[in-house]
Each structure stands twice: as C-alpha cells, then as structure tokens.
Amino acid sequence: MLTIAAVIGFLTVALSILVKVIGFPDQIRKNFKRKSTEGLSTYFYVLWTTHGFFQKDRVLILG
C-alpha cells in the first residue's frame, strides 16, 4: 500500500525531471529576457518542501 509520503515523493521526482528537462531552461531564458522572475512557479518548490517534511530531511526543507 502506498503512503501519502511515497505518493508525494514520486510526484516530486517525476515533476522535477520534467522541470529539469523541459521547463527549467525555458524559465531561465524567459527570466533573462525580462530581467525579472515574475511568473515563477512556486508549486515545484512547495512540493519539494512538503516532501522534505515527510522525509524529515533538513536539506530539502531549507533548499
């Protein structure tokens, strides 16, 4: 049976791979062109922080 921590962990890893491969370079390019971080998605960071709390991992929480 999957726990909520396992589901959040899986979603975090899956989304981080997508962000790294697809979204992150595009986000950097847009921010550089605009000279602003307006529109930066905080959803990804919230997922990592939540995953850190479930794993009791200070590095993930603080990062």
C-alpha atoms as a PDB file:
ATOM      1  CA  MET A   1       0.000   0.000   0.000  1.00  0.00           C
ATOM      2  CA  LEU A   2       1.270   3.427  -0.896  1.00  0.00           C
ATOM      3  CA  THR A   3       1.615   6.002   1.817  1.00  0.00           C
ATOM      4  CA  ILE A   4       0.986   9.700   1.279  1.00  0.00           C
ATOM      5  CA  ALA A   5       4.718  10.316   1.698  1.00  0.00           C
ATOM      6  CA  ALA A   6       5.502   7.821  -1.086  1.00  0.00           C
ATOM      7  CA  VAL A   7       2.982   9.439  -3.439  1.00  0.00           C
ATOM      8  CA  ILE A   8       4.345  12.933  -2.755  1.00  0.00           C
ATOM      9  CA  GLY A   9       7.879  11.616  -3.195  1.00  0.00           C
ATOM     10  CA  PHE A  10       7.028  10.039  -6.547  1.00  0.00           C
ATOM     11  CA  LEU A  11       5.250  13.174  -7.788  1.00  0.00           C
ATOM     12  CA  THR A  12       8.165  15.324  -6.678  1.00  0.00           C
ATOM     13  CA  VAL A  13      10.696  13.216  -8.561  1.00  0.00           C
ATOM     14  CA  ALA A  14       8.526  12.998 -11.689  1.00  0.00           C
ATOM     15  CA  LEU A  15       7.872  16.738 -11.761  1.00  0.00           C
ATOM     16  CA  SER A  16      11.484  17.595 -11.041  1.00  0.00           C
ATOM     17  CA  ILE A  17      12.616  15.535 -14.025  1.00  0.00           C
ATOM     18  CA  LEU A  18      10.094  17.293 -16.258  1.00  0.00           C
ATOM     19  CA  VAL A  19      11.107  20.693 -14.935  1.00  0.00           C
ATOM     20  CA  LYS A  20      14.812  19.997 -15.416  1.00  0.00           C
ATOM     21  CA  VAL A  21      14.420  18.682 -18.943  1.00  0.00           C
ATOM     22  CA  ILE A  22      11.652  20.937 -20.263  1.00  0.00           C
ATOM     23  CA  GLY A  23      10.721  23.816 -18.034  1.00  0.00           C
ATOM     24  CA  PHE A  24      13.865  24.960 -16.275  1.00  0.00           C
ATOM     25  CA  PRO A  25      15.904  26.054 -19.328  1.00  0.00           C
ATOM     26  CA  ASP A  26      12.850  27.822 -20.736  1.00  0.00           C
ATOM     27  CA  GLN A  27      12.229  29.573 -17.401  1.00  0.00           C
ATOM     28  CA  ILE A  28      15.835  30.772 -17.267  1.00  0.00           C
ATOM     29  CA  ARG A  29      15.613  32.133 -20.812  1.00  0.00           C
ATOM     30  CA  LYS A  30      12.353  33.984 -20.075  1.00  0.00           C
ATOM     31  CA  ASN A  31      13.671  35.449 -16.822  1.00  0.00           C
ATOM     32  CA  PHE A  32      16.852  36.600 -18.537  1.00  0.00           C
ATOM     33  CA  LYS A  33      14.920  38.280 -21.358  1.00  0.00           C
ATOM     34  CA  ARG A  34      12.501  40.016 -18.972  1.00  0.00           C
ATOM     35  CA  LYS A  35      15.154  40.759 -16.337  1.00  0.00           C
ATOM     36  CA  SER A  36      12.506  39.607 -13.843  1.00  0.00           C
ATOM     37  CA  THR A  37      11.348  36.441 -12.069  1.00  0.00           C
ATOM     38  CA  GLU A  38       7.689  37.414 -12.396  1.00  0.00           C
ATOM     39  CA  GLY A  39       5.558  34.367 -13.091  1.00  0.00           C
ATOM     40  CA  LEU A  40       7.957  31.921 -11.439  1.00  0.00           C
ATOM     41  CA  SER A  41       6.063  28.790 -10.448  1.00  0.00           C
ATOM     42  CA  THR A  42       6.142  28.141  -6.703  1.00  0.00           C
ATOM     43  CA  TYR A  43       4.279  24.812  -6.986  1.00  0.00           C
ATOM     44  CA  PHE A  44       7.520  22.907  -7.571  1.00  0.00           C
ATOM     45  CA  TYR A  45       9.164  24.412  -4.501  1.00  0.00           C
ATOM     46  CA  VAL A  46       6.150  23.663  -2.327  1.00  0.00           C
ATOM     47  CA  LEU A  47       6.266  20.010  -3.414  1.00  0.00           C
ATOM     48  CA  TRP A  48       9.960  19.690  -2.554  1.00  0.00           C
ATOM     49  CA  THR A  49       9.445  21.316   0.846  1.00  0.00           C
ATOM     50  CA  THR A  50       6.481  19.055   1.621  1.00  0.00           C
ATOM     51  CA  HIS A  51       8.499  16.018   0.579  1.00  0.00           C
ATOM     52  CA  GLY A  52      11.317  17.199   2.865  1.00  0.00           C
ATOM     53  CA  PHE A  53       8.951  17.410   5.831  1.00  0.00           C
ATOM     54  CA  PHE A  54       7.698  13.866   5.240  1.00  0.00           C
ATOM     55  CA  GLN A  55      11.254  12.566   4.879  1.00  0.00           C
ATOM     56  CA  LYS A  56      12.490  14.675   7.814  1.00  0.00           C
ATOM     57  CA  ASP A  57      15.268  15.960   5.541  1.00  0.00           C
ATOM     58  CA  ARG A  58      16.523  19.416   6.506  1.00  0.00           C
ATOM     59  CA  VAL A  59      18.377  19.861   3.220  1.00  0.00           C
ATOM     60  CA  LEU A  60      15.164  19.538   1.205  1.00  0.00           C
ATOM     61  CA  ILE A  61      13.235  21.738   3.599  1.00  0.00           C
ATOM     62  CA  LEU A  62      15.819  24.534   3.647  1.00  0.00           C
ATOM     63  CA  GLY A  63      16.660  24.256  -0.025  1.00  0.00           C
END
